[in-house]
Amino acid sequence: MIENIGDLGSQPELEPFAGLTWTWLHSPVFRATPLDVKAEADLHFLQGINQLIGHGWPYTAEGVEYPGWRFYAAGVFNEKNPWWIAMPDLSLYLQRVSFLLRQGKPANDVALYLSNSDAWAHFSAGRVNLLETLRERLGPEVVGRILEAGYNLDFFDDGALEQVGRVEKGALALGGNRYRVVVLPGVESIPAKTFRKLEEFARGGGVLVATRRLPGTAPGLMATETERAEVREIARRLFEAPSAVARFVAEENQLGATLAALQPPDVSLSPAAPKIGFVHRNAAFAEIYFLANTDNTRQKVKAAFRVEGVGAEAWDPVTGKKAPAEIVAGDRGVTTLALELEPYGSTVVVFSRGWPGGRAQRAPRRAPPAGGVALRPMDISGGWRVAFGKRGTPRRMERLRSWTEDEETRYYSGLATYEKEVTVPEGLLQSGLEVRLDFGEGNPVPETRTRNGMQAWLDAPVREAAVVYVNDRRAGSVWCPPYSVDVTGLLKRGENRVRIVVGNLAINHIAGRRLPDYRLLNLRYGVRFEPQDMDKVQLVPAGLLGPVRLVAAGRAGL
């Protein structure tokens, strides 16, 4: 398990970087799912945030009708949402990733220069937003091209360079971080002092790249002609002279290829997978990579890491389990792994310098079942006893279907308990097998533009969370791909009791009732807010949609 940093052989070097998370998540209110929570959290992790501040937990006074008061912009992370049964495991996922991403130091290759001077020069009456102007100055291409080429980046400006910047052995050091590459994205003006330090960096072996245009002047009305001339001369020496050491890229769609030719990528994916992002942390005894698939389809790639000669493990941040990574090659400073990420799936790859033997191991292989006989999945989709609520009378459900298909449960929001007895074949109990209770695959849905927030574009076979018990022992929860849980050690010979507690969304309860009328409130106090996306308050499928199967495979072994 990956519950403590002792697995890395070092003590944590905590470096929290917080961000307010999940505001406007999958509106309208009460519509957000556990998968939505994970999908947005992973985006924050990929942006360097490692401490999440959740938004939000609406207060509800005693006696208020279910599902209680709600804040219009919140995902509602409280017990009023039936999928709350999976929140402990979802929280453990967030905790594990947050913890791992605070270890050591960031290992980003690229420092991307932000020209505050250019932004100030492009302010106009009524448009003085520095953040938005910098975004416009960067343009839509440069950040994506850097990330897709296999590098991670940080931003810096003149102030950061002046206060904590220095050139060290072919790298630009900003505080405790070191960068091998500096990119000037469409920069028009740059202080001569800044440009001199970047020239020192490039002359010392660092990679300096300018895109779209070359810096042509010093900023500000107070800049002297001498300073402007110096900027032009530095640009000529760096980019145009026979002894030029920097590179100019006119079209930013060529930026990735240019960087790859000058500096090996940190992570290279084959085939290309732009929807997979990564974060790299360098700890005292390990290289830690967090990778996340931000797409609603499965991604299968070979990932080449700029690491060699150390052992590799794949850590599953959802379950806390770890296993030897599937290494397919390792030479010339690169270790290549075979990775398969579920829709919105994530993994942590740890290259440990304290690995026994000190060398990377080859790919683990699935051990075949005893006798080499392939075991077919055992379908247990039919014949469930289902009870709604704590005191509900069990009813027979021969075919798994959404609760919304039955009149009595159409607008039900809450928990339902599925139970049945299953006689497991002897073949599933043989040594060396891993048996999983599998609920099927999610179905990708077309992504559309939303007015508010974000969401995961996947219809799940479990709506929206389930906790699985086998013979009255908790196997785990199911709330994100893969929609399955390991039940190997819980099965026994003969009859086994399977119990699955499922929670849906509170929005189904809301959909069966009149929506709040704010007319009198608005007449008295004015329109203080607009309830978000109330036109989207509608029934959502609920429960187990099937199929449910027991699936066996050989455990991984070297």
Protein backbone atom coordinates (compact mmCIF):
# COMPACT_ATOMS: atom_id res chain seq x y z
CA MET A 1 0.00 0.00 0.00
CA ILE A 2 1.12 3.60 -0.50
CA GLU A 3 0.04 5.04 2.83
CA ASN A 4 3.36 6.56 3.87
CA ILE A 5 6.38 8.16 2.31
CA GLY A 6 8.66 5.51 3.78
CA ASP A 7 8.09 3.66 0.51
CA LEU A 8 10.17 6.38 -1.17
CA GLY A 9 13.02 6.10 1.31
CA SER A 10 12.89 9.78 2.28
CA GLN A 11 11.07 12.21 4.48
CA PRO A 12 8.43 14.47 2.91
CA GLU A 13 9.44 17.93 1.79
CA LEU A 14 5.98 19.47 1.99
CA GLU A 15 5.30 22.17 -0.56
CA PRO A 16 1.57 22.98 -0.53
CA PHE A 17 0.10 24.95 -3.40
CA ALA A 18 -3.61 25.40 -2.80
CA GLY A 19 -6.51 25.98 -5.14
CA LEU A 20 -10.26 26.47 -4.69
CA THR A 21 -11.82 23.49 -6.42
CA TRP A 22 -15.16 22.32 -7.88
CA THR A 23 -16.97 25.65 -8.05
CA TRP A 24 -19.73 25.27 -10.67
CA LEU A 25 -18.93 21.55 -11.02
CA HIS A 26 -21.44 19.84 -13.34
CA SER A 27 -24.35 22.17 -12.83
CA PRO A 28 -27.16 22.33 -11.88
CA VAL A 29 -26.71 21.90 -8.15
CA PHE A 30 -26.79 18.25 -6.93
CA ARG A 31 -25.84 17.00 -10.41
CA ALA A 32 -22.10 16.46 -9.80
CA THR A 33 -20.87 12.87 -9.49
CA PRO A 34 -17.79 11.38 -7.79
CA LEU A 35 -16.24 10.93 -11.25
CA ASP A 36 -16.81 14.64 -11.96
CA VAL A 37 -14.97 15.42 -8.74
CA LYS A 38 -11.99 13.27 -9.73
CA ALA A 39 -11.88 14.55 -13.31
CA GLU A 40 -11.64 18.18 -12.22
CA ALA A 41 -9.24 17.41 -9.37
CA ASP A 42 -6.88 15.71 -11.83
CA LEU A 43 -6.85 18.85 -13.98
CA HIS A 44 -5.80 20.86 -10.93
CA PHE A 45 -3.10 18.33 -10.07
CA LEU A 46 -1.74 18.56 -13.61
CA GLN A 47 -1.54 22.34 -13.22
CA GLY A 48 0.70 22.00 -10.16
CA ILE A 49 -1.92 22.39 -7.43
CA ASN A 50 -1.42 19.88 -4.62
CA GLN A 51 -3.81 21.11 -1.92
CA LEU A 52 -7.49 21.23 -2.79
CA ILE A 53 -10.01 23.45 -1.01
CA GLY A 54 -13.43 21.95 -1.73
CA HIS A 55 -16.41 24.08 -2.77
CA GLY A 56 -18.69 23.43 -1.12
CA TRP A 57 -20.76 22.17 1.81
CA PRO A 58 -24.06 24.09 1.96
CA TYR A 59 -25.44 24.54 5.45
CA THR A 60 -28.95 23.24 6.11
CA ALA A 61 -30.94 24.07 9.24
CA GLU A 62 -32.83 21.40 11.16
CA GLY A 63 -36.25 20.55 9.78
CA VAL A 64 -35.63 21.72 6.22
CA GLU A 65 -37.12 19.39 3.63
CA TYR A 66 -34.71 17.02 1.86
CA PRO A 67 -32.31 17.63 0.16
CA GLY A 68 -31.92 20.82 2.17
CA TRP A 69 -30.59 24.24 1.34
CA ARG A 70 -28.22 24.47 -1.57
CA PHE A 71 -25.78 27.03 -2.81
CA TYR A 72 -26.28 27.57 -6.51
CA ALA A 73 -22.58 27.31 -7.47
CA ALA A 74 -21.58 24.30 -5.34
CA GLY A 75 -21.22 20.61 -6.11
CA VAL A 76 -22.78 19.80 -2.69
CA PHE A 77 -20.26 17.61 -0.90
CA ASN A 78 -22.29 16.43 2.06
CA GLU A 79 -24.47 13.58 3.24
CA LYS A 80 -27.50 14.95 1.36
CA ASN A 81 -26.06 13.45 -1.83
CA PRO A 82 -26.62 9.66 -1.72
CA TRP A 83 -23.28 8.95 -3.43
CA TRP A 84 -21.70 10.21 -0.19
CA ILE A 85 -21.09 6.53 0.68
CA ALA A 86 -18.06 6.64 -1.63
CA MET A 87 -16.68 9.91 -0.27
CA PRO A 88 -14.19 8.20 2.11
CA ASP A 89 -12.52 6.41 -0.82
CA LEU A 90 -12.71 9.47 -3.06
CA SER A 91 -11.09 11.51 -0.28
CA LEU A 92 -8.34 8.91 0.08
CA TYR A 93 -7.60 9.27 -3.63
CA LEU A 94 -7.32 13.04 -3.33
CA GLN A 95 -5.21 12.69 -0.18
CA ARG A 96 -2.75 10.24 -1.75
CA VAL A 97 -2.18 12.33 -4.87
CA SER A 98 -1.92 15.59 -2.90
CA PHE A 99 0.63 13.99 -0.58
CA LEU A 100 2.78 12.52 -3.35
CA LEU A 101 2.80 15.78 -5.30
CA ARG A 102 4.30 17.56 -2.29
CA GLN A 103 7.35 15.32 -2.17
CA GLY A 104 10.73 16.64 -3.25
CA LYS A 105 10.83 19.45 -5.80
CA PRO A 106 9.14 20.19 -9.13
CA ALA A 107 11.07 18.74 -12.07
CA ASN A 108 9.87 20.98 -14.89
CA ASP A 109 12.08 21.55 -17.93
CA VAL A 110 10.59 24.74 -19.37
CA ALA A 111 10.42 28.26 -17.93
CA LEU A 112 7.90 30.29 -19.94
CA TYR A 113 8.53 34.03 -19.82
CA LEU A 114 5.59 36.35 -19.19
CA SER A 115 6.15 39.88 -20.42
CA ASN A 116 4.21 42.07 -18.01
CA SER A 117 5.54 45.03 -19.97
CA ASP A 118 3.81 43.85 -23.15
CA ALA A 119 0.58 43.31 -21.22
CA TRP A 120 0.68 46.82 -19.71
CA ALA A 121 1.40 48.28 -23.13
CA HIS A 122 -1.76 46.66 -24.51
CA PHE A 123 -4.10 47.91 -21.79
CA SER A 124 -6.90 50.16 -22.99
CA ALA A 125 -9.71 52.08 -21.35
CA GLY A 126 -11.91 49.61 -19.52
CA ARG A 127 -9.54 46.69 -20.25
CA VAL A 128 -6.89 46.61 -17.54
CA ASN A 129 -6.96 42.94 -16.50
CA LEU A 130 -3.35 41.74 -16.32
CA LEU A 131 -4.23 38.03 -16.19
CA GLU A 132 -6.52 38.13 -19.19
CA THR A 133 -4.13 40.30 -21.20
CA LEU A 134 -1.23 37.94 -20.48
CA ARG A 135 -3.44 35.05 -21.62
CA GLU A 136 -4.11 36.88 -24.88
CA ARG A 137 -0.42 37.66 -25.33
CA LEU A 138 0.52 34.00 -24.85
CA GLY A 139 -1.98 32.92 -27.48
CA PRO A 140 -3.75 29.56 -27.84
CA GLU A 141 -0.81 27.47 -29.07
CA VAL A 142 2.34 27.75 -27.01
CA VAL A 143 1.38 26.06 -23.72
CA GLY A 144 -0.35 23.14 -25.43
CA ARG A 145 2.58 22.56 -27.78
CA ILE A 146 5.03 22.41 -24.87
CA LEU A 147 2.89 19.98 -22.87
CA GLU A 148 2.10 17.73 -25.82
CA ALA A 149 5.79 17.49 -26.67
CA GLY A 150 6.48 15.89 -23.28
CA TYR A 151 7.61 18.80 -21.11
CA ASN A 152 6.16 20.55 -18.11
CA LEU A 153 6.50 24.25 -17.47
CA ASP A 154 6.41 27.09 -15.01
CA PHE A 155 5.89 30.79 -15.66
CA PHE A 156 8.27 33.55 -14.61
CA ASP A 157 8.54 37.29 -15.13
CA ASP A 158 11.13 40.03 -14.74
CA GLY A 159 10.51 40.41 -11.02
CA ALA A 160 11.03 36.69 -10.30
CA LEU A 161 14.19 36.65 -12.40
CA GLU A 162 15.60 39.67 -10.62
CA GLN A 163 14.77 38.50 -7.10
CA VAL A 164 15.56 34.75 -7.20
CA GLY A 165 17.02 34.06 -10.68
CA ARG A 166 20.57 32.98 -11.44
CA VAL A 167 22.39 30.96 -14.08
CA GLU A 168 23.94 27.69 -12.91
CA LYS A 169 25.70 25.14 -15.12
CA GLY A 170 23.55 25.59 -18.20
CA ALA A 171 20.31 25.93 -16.24
CA LEU A 172 18.20 28.88 -15.19
CA ALA A 173 17.63 28.60 -11.46
CA LEU A 174 14.58 30.34 -10.00
CA GLY A 175 14.67 29.81 -6.27
CA GLY A 176 15.05 26.06 -5.75
CA ASN A 177 13.86 25.13 -9.25
CA ARG A 178 16.12 24.64 -12.27
CA TYR A 179 15.06 24.91 -15.91
CA ARG A 180 16.87 23.63 -18.98
CA VAL A 181 14.68 25.52 -21.46
CA VAL A 182 13.39 29.11 -21.59
CA VAL A 183 10.69 30.10 -24.07
CA LEU A 184 9.92 33.71 -25.06
CA PRO A 185 6.35 33.50 -26.49
CA GLY A 186 5.77 36.33 -28.96
CA VAL A 187 7.62 38.85 -26.78
CA GLU A 188 7.77 42.39 -28.18
CA SER A 189 9.66 44.20 -25.43
CA ILE A 190 12.00 42.95 -22.72
CA PRO A 191 14.20 44.82 -20.22
CA ALA A 192 17.85 44.80 -21.20
CA LYS A 193 18.75 43.48 -17.75
CA THR A 194 16.49 40.46 -18.24
CA PHE A 195 17.80 39.83 -21.74
CA ARG A 196 21.42 39.93 -20.56
CA LYS A 197 20.76 37.20 -18.02
CA LEU A 198 18.97 35.07 -20.61
CA GLU A 199 21.92 35.50 -22.95
CA GLU A 200 24.20 34.28 -20.17
CA PHE A 201 21.90 31.27 -19.79
CA ALA A 202 21.99 30.47 -23.52
CA ARG A 203 25.76 30.96 -23.81
CA GLY A 204 26.21 28.61 -20.87
CA GLY A 205 24.41 25.75 -22.62
CA GLY A 206 20.76 26.45 -21.86
CA VAL A 207 18.07 26.19 -24.54
CA LEU A 208 16.52 29.58 -25.42
CA VAL A 209 13.65 29.69 -27.92
CA ALA A 210 11.62 32.67 -29.14
CA THR A 211 8.33 32.24 -31.00
CA ARG A 212 6.37 34.39 -33.47
CA ARG A 213 8.70 37.41 -33.24
CA LEU A 214 12.02 38.45 -31.78
CA PRO A 215 12.12 40.95 -28.92
CA GLY A 216 12.78 44.30 -30.54
CA THR A 217 12.85 46.99 -27.88
CA ALA A 218 13.09 47.84 -24.21
CA PRO A 219 9.75 48.53 -22.49
CA GLY A 220 8.33 51.75 -21.19
CA LEU A 221 8.31 55.42 -22.11
CA MET A 222 11.30 55.98 -19.83
CA ALA A 223 13.51 53.49 -21.70
CA THR A 224 16.52 55.14 -23.31
CA GLU A 225 17.62 54.69 -26.89
CA THR A 226 20.74 52.99 -25.55
CA GLU A 227 18.56 50.36 -23.79
CA ARG A 228 16.44 49.82 -26.90
CA ALA A 229 19.56 49.41 -29.03
CA GLU A 230 21.01 46.93 -26.54
CA VAL A 231 17.88 44.76 -26.72
CA ARG A 232 18.04 44.72 -30.53
CA GLU A 233 21.75 43.86 -30.43
CA ILE A 234 21.27 40.98 -27.95
CA ALA A 235 18.46 39.61 -30.13
CA ARG A 236 20.74 39.76 -33.18
CA ARG A 237 23.61 37.99 -31.38
CA LEU A 238 21.39 35.29 -29.94
CA PHE A 239 19.19 34.50 -32.93
CA GLU A 240 20.77 35.83 -36.15
CA ALA A 241 24.57 36.09 -35.86
CA PRO A 242 26.86 33.32 -37.15
CA SER A 243 27.56 32.45 -33.50
CA ALA A 244 23.83 32.38 -32.60
CA VAL A 245 23.00 29.90 -29.84
CA ALA A 246 19.24 30.51 -29.54
CA ARG A 247 16.44 29.31 -31.81
CA PHE A 248 13.60 31.24 -33.42
CA VAL A 249 10.32 29.43 -34.22
CA ALA A 250 8.03 31.51 -36.43
CA GLU A 251 5.10 29.06 -36.34
CA GLU A 252 4.26 27.75 -32.88
CA ASN A 253 2.90 24.50 -34.28
CA GLN A 254 6.59 23.65 -34.80
CA LEU A 255 7.57 24.43 -31.22
CA GLY A 256 7.25 20.87 -29.93
CA ALA A 257 9.47 19.40 -32.65
CA THR A 258 12.04 22.14 -32.10
CA LEU A 259 12.21 21.50 -28.36
CA ALA A 260 12.51 17.74 -28.88
CA ALA A 261 15.52 18.28 -31.15
CA LEU A 262 17.23 20.46 -28.55
CA GLN A 263 16.28 18.76 -25.28
CA PRO A 264 15.02 15.16 -24.81
CA PRO A 265 11.42 15.16 -23.53
CA ASP A 266 10.78 14.23 -19.94
CA VAL A 267 7.92 11.93 -21.01
CA SER A 268 7.26 10.87 -24.58
CA LEU A 269 4.05 8.98 -25.46
CA SER A 270 3.61 6.64 -28.40
CA PRO A 271 1.20 6.91 -30.07
CA ALA A 272 0.74 10.59 -29.29
CA ALA A 273 -1.88 11.14 -26.58
CA PRO A 274 -2.52 14.87 -26.04
CA LYS A 275 -5.20 14.12 -23.43
CA ILE A 276 -2.67 12.47 -21.09
CA GLY A 277 -0.88 14.93 -18.83
CA PHE A 278 1.83 14.41 -16.26
CA VAL A 279 3.55 16.00 -13.29
CA HIS A 280 7.12 15.09 -12.32
CA ARG A 281 8.52 15.47 -8.81
CA ASN A 282 12.16 14.84 -7.93
CA ALA A 283 12.58 13.43 -4.42
CA ALA A 284 15.78 12.43 -2.64
CA PHE A 285 15.48 8.74 -3.52
CA ALA A 286 12.88 8.64 -6.27
CA GLU A 287 11.48 10.21 -9.41
CA ILE A 288 7.70 10.51 -9.00
CA TYR A 289 5.42 10.88 -12.02
CA PHE A 290 1.67 11.45 -11.75
CA LEU A 291 -0.12 10.77 -15.05
CA ALA A 292 -3.79 11.42 -15.74
CA ASN A 293 -6.02 10.71 -18.72
CA THR A 294 -8.31 13.72 -19.14
CA ASP A 295 -10.29 12.03 -21.93
CA ASN A 296 -13.46 9.92 -21.81
CA THR A 297 -11.87 7.02 -23.74
CA ARG A 298 -9.30 4.44 -22.75
CA GLN A 299 -5.71 5.34 -23.65
CA LYS A 300 -3.08 2.65 -24.29
CA VAL A 301 0.44 3.96 -24.87
CA LYS A 302 4.11 3.32 -24.46
CA ALA A 303 5.56 6.02 -22.22
CA ALA A 304 9.28 6.77 -22.46
CA PHE A 305 10.59 8.42 -19.27
CA ARG A 306 13.92 10.24 -19.17
CA VAL A 307 15.12 7.89 -16.42
CA GLU A 308 17.51 4.94 -16.61
CA GLY A 309 18.90 2.21 -14.41
CA VAL A 310 16.39 2.37 -11.54
CA GLY A 311 13.47 0.22 -10.55
CA ALA A 312 9.93 1.20 -11.46
CA GLU A 313 6.61 0.67 -9.72
CA ALA A 314 3.07 1.62 -10.69
CA TRP A 315 1.11 2.99 -7.74
CA ASP A 316 -2.68 3.06 -7.99
CA PRO A 317 -3.84 6.20 -6.14
CA VAL A 318 -7.48 4.98 -6.16
CA THR A 319 -6.86 1.72 -4.28
CA GLY A 320 -3.49 2.44 -2.70
CA LYS A 321 -1.98 -0.71 -4.23
CA LYS A 322 1.37 -0.86 -5.99
CA ALA A 323 2.95 -3.34 -8.38
CA PRO A 324 6.04 -3.62 -10.60
CA ALA A 325 5.64 -1.41 -13.65
CA GLU A 326 5.39 -3.02 -17.07
CA ILE A 327 8.80 -2.05 -18.45
CA VAL A 328 9.26 -2.85 -22.13
CA ALA A 329 12.63 -1.18 -22.77
CA GLY A 330 15.39 0.63 -20.92
CA ASP A 331 18.48 2.09 -22.57
CA ARG A 332 20.19 5.32 -23.67
CA GLY A 333 18.91 7.28 -20.70
CA VAL A 334 15.26 6.29 -21.22
CA THR A 335 12.95 3.75 -19.58
CA THR A 336 9.83 2.81 -21.56
CA LEU A 337 6.69 1.51 -19.85
CA ALA A 338 3.46 0.11 -21.23
CA LEU A 339 0.58 2.12 -19.77
CA GLU A 340 -3.16 1.71 -20.07
CA LEU A 341 -5.32 4.41 -18.55
CA GLU A 342 -9.07 4.11 -18.17
CA PRO A 343 -11.32 7.02 -19.12
CA TYR A 344 -10.37 9.76 -16.63
CA GLY A 345 -7.94 7.26 -15.13
CA SER A 346 -4.68 8.10 -13.39
CA THR A 347 -1.57 6.40 -12.08
CA VAL A 348 1.65 7.21 -10.28
CA VAL A 349 4.93 5.83 -11.61
CA VAL A 350 7.78 5.77 -9.10
CA PHE A 351 11.38 5.23 -10.19
CA SER A 352 13.14 4.40 -6.93
CA ARG A 353 16.90 4.63 -6.56
CA GLY A 354 16.63 2.39 -3.54
CA TRP A 355 15.16 -0.48 -5.60
CA PRO A 356 16.68 -3.90 -4.72
CA GLY A 357 19.30 -4.76 -7.31
CA GLY A 358 19.45 -1.17 -8.53
CA ARG A 359 18.29 -2.00 -12.05
CA ALA A 360 14.92 -1.75 -13.77
CA GLN A 361 13.02 -5.01 -14.05
CA ARG A 362 11.38 -6.27 -17.21
CA ALA A 363 7.64 -6.30 -17.69
CA PRO A 364 5.54 -8.46 -15.36
CA ARG A 365 3.44 -11.06 -17.10
CA ARG A 366 0.04 -12.39 -16.25
CA ALA A 367 0.30 -15.91 -14.94
CA PRO A 368 -2.06 -18.28 -16.80
CA PRO A 369 -4.71 -20.16 -14.80
CA ALA A 370 -3.71 -23.61 -13.62
CA GLY A 371 -3.81 -26.05 -16.47
CA GLY A 372 -3.80 -23.20 -18.98
CA VAL A 373 -7.62 -23.19 -19.17
CA ALA A 374 -9.19 -19.84 -19.98
CA LEU A 375 -11.93 -18.95 -17.50
CA ARG A 376 -15.04 -17.32 -18.85
CA PRO A 377 -16.59 -14.46 -16.89
CA MET A 378 -19.46 -15.54 -14.66
CA ASP A 379 -22.53 -13.42 -15.31
CA ILE A 380 -24.54 -12.67 -12.15
CA SER A 381 -26.67 -9.86 -13.56
CA GLY A 382 -30.05 -11.43 -12.86
CA GLY A 383 -32.07 -12.39 -9.83
CA TRP A 384 -31.18 -9.64 -7.36
CA ARG A 385 -33.22 -8.74 -4.29
CA VAL A 386 -33.34 -4.95 -4.11
CA ALA A 387 -34.49 -2.90 -1.10
CA PHE A 388 -34.85 0.89 -1.30
CA GLY A 389 -34.05 2.83 1.86
CA LYS A 390 -33.26 1.43 5.28
CA ARG A 391 -36.65 -0.21 5.83
CA GLY A 392 -37.64 -0.95 2.27
CA THR A 393 -39.18 -4.31 1.44
CA PRO A 394 -36.91 -6.25 -0.92
CA ARG A 395 -38.28 -6.75 -4.41
CA ARG A 396 -37.07 -9.11 -7.10
CA MET A 397 -35.13 -7.55 -10.00
CA GLU A 398 -34.52 -10.18 -12.67
CA ARG A 399 -33.09 -7.63 -15.09
CA LEU A 400 -30.86 -4.80 -13.95
CA ARG A 401 -32.37 -1.47 -14.94
CA SER A 402 -32.44 2.16 -13.91
CA TRP A 403 -34.63 3.04 -10.94
CA THR A 404 -36.23 5.70 -13.11
CA GLU A 405 -37.91 2.97 -15.21
CA ASP A 406 -40.23 2.05 -12.32
CA GLU A 407 -43.02 4.40 -11.27
CA GLU A 408 -42.44 3.84 -7.53
CA THR A 409 -38.75 4.74 -7.67
CA ARG A 410 -38.71 7.18 -10.59
CA TYR A 411 -37.90 10.20 -8.42
CA TYR A 412 -36.15 8.32 -5.64
CA SER A 413 -32.86 9.71 -4.34
CA GLY A 414 -31.13 7.62 -1.72
CA LEU A 415 -29.60 4.21 -1.15
CA ALA A 416 -30.69 0.82 -2.46
CA THR A 417 -29.27 -2.53 -1.37
CA TYR A 418 -28.81 -5.31 -3.94
CA GLU A 419 -28.38 -8.85 -2.54
CA LYS A 420 -28.04 -12.35 -3.89
CA GLU A 421 -26.28 -15.64 -3.22
CA VAL A 422 -23.69 -16.82 -5.72
CA THR A 423 -22.12 -20.26 -5.96
CA VAL A 424 -18.60 -19.74 -7.23
CA PRO A 425 -17.07 -22.41 -9.49
CA GLU A 426 -14.01 -24.17 -8.08
CA GLY A 427 -11.92 -22.84 -10.96
CA LEU A 428 -12.28 -19.26 -9.71
CA LEU A 429 -10.76 -20.18 -6.36
CA GLN A 430 -7.48 -21.62 -7.62
CA SER A 431 -4.22 -20.13 -6.47
CA GLY A 432 -2.71 -17.38 -8.61
CA LEU A 433 -6.01 -15.92 -9.80
CA GLU A 434 -7.33 -12.44 -9.20
CA VAL A 435 -11.12 -12.34 -9.22
CA ARG A 436 -12.92 -9.05 -9.68
CA LEU A 437 -16.58 -8.14 -9.44
CA ASP A 438 -16.99 -6.20 -12.67
CA PHE A 439 -19.84 -3.82 -13.50
CA GLY A 440 -19.01 -3.16 -17.15
CA GLU A 441 -17.59 -0.23 -19.08
CA GLY A 442 -18.68 3.36 -19.21
CA ASN A 443 -19.98 4.84 -22.45
CA PRO A 444 -18.37 8.06 -23.76
CA VAL A 445 -20.83 10.84 -24.59
CA PRO A 446 -20.15 13.73 -26.96
CA GLU A 447 -18.54 16.70 -25.25
CA THR A 448 -20.49 19.93 -25.58
CA ARG A 449 -19.77 23.47 -24.47
CA THR A 450 -21.20 24.30 -21.06
CA ARG A 451 -22.02 27.70 -19.59
CA ASN A 452 -20.75 26.80 -16.15
CA GLY A 453 -18.02 24.57 -14.78
CA MET A 454 -16.89 21.23 -16.13
CA GLN A 455 -17.95 17.59 -16.02
CA ALA A 456 -16.85 14.11 -17.01
CA TRP A 457 -18.31 13.07 -20.37
CA LEU A 458 -18.98 9.42 -19.53
CA ASP A 459 -22.16 7.48 -18.79
CA ALA A 460 -21.26 5.02 -16.06
CA PRO A 461 -22.69 1.50 -15.54
CA VAL A 462 -22.97 2.32 -11.81
CA ARG A 463 -25.06 5.41 -11.11
CA GLU A 464 -23.35 6.87 -9.17
CA ALA A 465 -21.49 4.97 -6.46
CA ALA A 466 -21.57 1.52 -4.91
CA VAL A 467 -20.02 -0.18 -1.90
CA VAL A 468 -19.49 -3.93 -2.34
CA TYR A 469 -19.64 -6.54 0.43
CA VAL A 470 -18.86 -10.23 -0.03
CA ASN A 471 -19.84 -12.54 2.81
CA ASP A 472 -20.42 -9.41 4.93
CA ARG A 473 -16.86 -8.18 4.41
CA ARG A 474 -16.26 -4.87 2.65
CA ALA A 475 -14.51 -5.33 -0.70
CA GLY A 476 -14.38 -1.65 -1.66
CA SER A 477 -16.31 1.05 -3.44
CA VAL A 478 -16.97 1.62 -7.14
CA TRP A 479 -17.28 5.22 -8.34
CA CYS A 480 -14.87 5.67 -11.27
CA PRO A 481 -13.34 3.55 -14.04
CA PRO A 482 -12.49 0.75 -13.93
CA TYR A 483 -15.93 -0.11 -12.58
CA SER A 484 -14.76 -3.23 -10.77
CA VAL A 485 -13.45 -4.28 -7.36
CA ASP A 486 -11.07 -7.04 -6.25
CA VAL A 487 -12.93 -9.77 -4.33
CA THR A 488 -10.25 -12.48 -4.50
CA GLY A 489 -9.65 -12.97 -0.79
CA LEU A 490 -13.32 -12.73 0.14
CA LEU A 491 -14.71 -15.63 -1.88
CA LYS A 492 -15.11 -19.13 -0.42
CA ARG A 493 -16.13 -22.55 -1.61
CA GLY A 494 -19.84 -23.02 -2.04
CA GLU A 495 -22.38 -20.28 -1.59
CA ASN A 496 -21.27 -16.64 -1.29
CA ARG A 497 -23.43 -13.71 -0.24
CA VAL A 498 -22.98 -10.61 -2.36
CA ARG A 499 -24.37 -7.30 -1.14
CA ILE A 500 -24.04 -4.02 -3.06
CA VAL A 501 -25.20 -0.71 -1.60
CA VAL A 502 -25.80 1.87 -4.35
CA GLY A 503 -26.31 5.62 -4.02
CA ASN A 504 -27.53 7.90 -6.82
CA LEU A 505 -27.90 11.70 -7.11
CA ALA A 506 -30.18 13.98 -5.09
CA ILE A 507 -31.23 15.72 -8.30
CA ASN A 508 -33.79 12.97 -9.04
CA HIS A 509 -35.70 13.93 -5.90
CA ILE A 510 -35.60 17.58 -6.98
CA ALA A 511 -36.79 16.71 -10.49
CA GLY A 512 -40.03 15.30 -9.06
CA ARG A 513 -40.96 18.50 -7.28
CA ARG A 514 -41.67 22.14 -8.09
CA LEU A 515 -38.57 24.25 -8.41
CA PRO A 516 -38.12 27.23 -6.05
CA ASP A 517 -39.88 30.41 -7.08
CA TYR A 518 -37.69 33.45 -6.44
CA ARG A 519 -40.12 36.13 -7.67
CA LEU A 520 -41.10 37.48 -4.25
CA LEU A 521 -37.50 37.34 -3.08
CA ASN A 522 -36.36 39.28 -6.12
CA LEU A 523 -39.14 41.87 -5.72
CA ARG A 524 -38.05 42.55 -2.17
CA TYR A 525 -34.25 42.47 -2.52
CA GLY A 526 -33.61 42.68 -6.24
CA VAL A 527 -32.02 40.04 -8.41
CA ARG A 528 -28.94 39.10 -6.40
CA PHE A 529 -28.13 35.92 -8.36
CA GLU A 530 -29.36 33.69 -11.15
CA PRO A 531 -29.85 29.99 -10.26
CA GLN A 532 -27.53 28.10 -12.58
CA ASP A 533 -28.87 25.80 -15.29
CA MET A 534 -32.23 25.13 -13.63
CA ASP A 535 -33.54 24.17 -17.07
CA LYS A 536 -31.33 21.07 -16.74
CA VAL A 537 -33.01 19.76 -13.60
CA GLN A 538 -34.17 16.40 -14.93
CA LEU A 539 -34.07 12.71 -14.09
CA VAL A 540 -30.73 10.92 -14.29
CA PRO A 541 -30.37 7.11 -14.57
CA ALA A 542 -29.85 5.49 -11.18
CA GLY A 543 -28.66 2.18 -9.76
CA LEU A 544 -26.83 -0.75 -11.34
CA LEU A 545 -27.36 -0.84 -15.08
CA GLY A 546 -25.43 -4.06 -15.74
CA PRO A 547 -23.93 -6.36 -16.62
CA VAL A 548 -22.42 -7.61 -13.35
CA ARG A 549 -19.84 -10.37 -13.70
CA LEU A 550 -17.15 -12.22 -11.80
CA VAL A 551 -14.01 -11.98 -13.93
CA ALA A 552 -10.80 -13.93 -13.25
CA ALA A 553 -7.27 -13.36 -14.53
CA GLY A 554 -3.82 -14.55 -13.55
CA ARG A 555 -2.00 -12.30 -11.11
CA ALA A 556 0.95 -10.34 -12.46
CA GLY A 557 4.32 -11.93 -11.87
CA LEU A 558 7.90 -11.38 -13.01
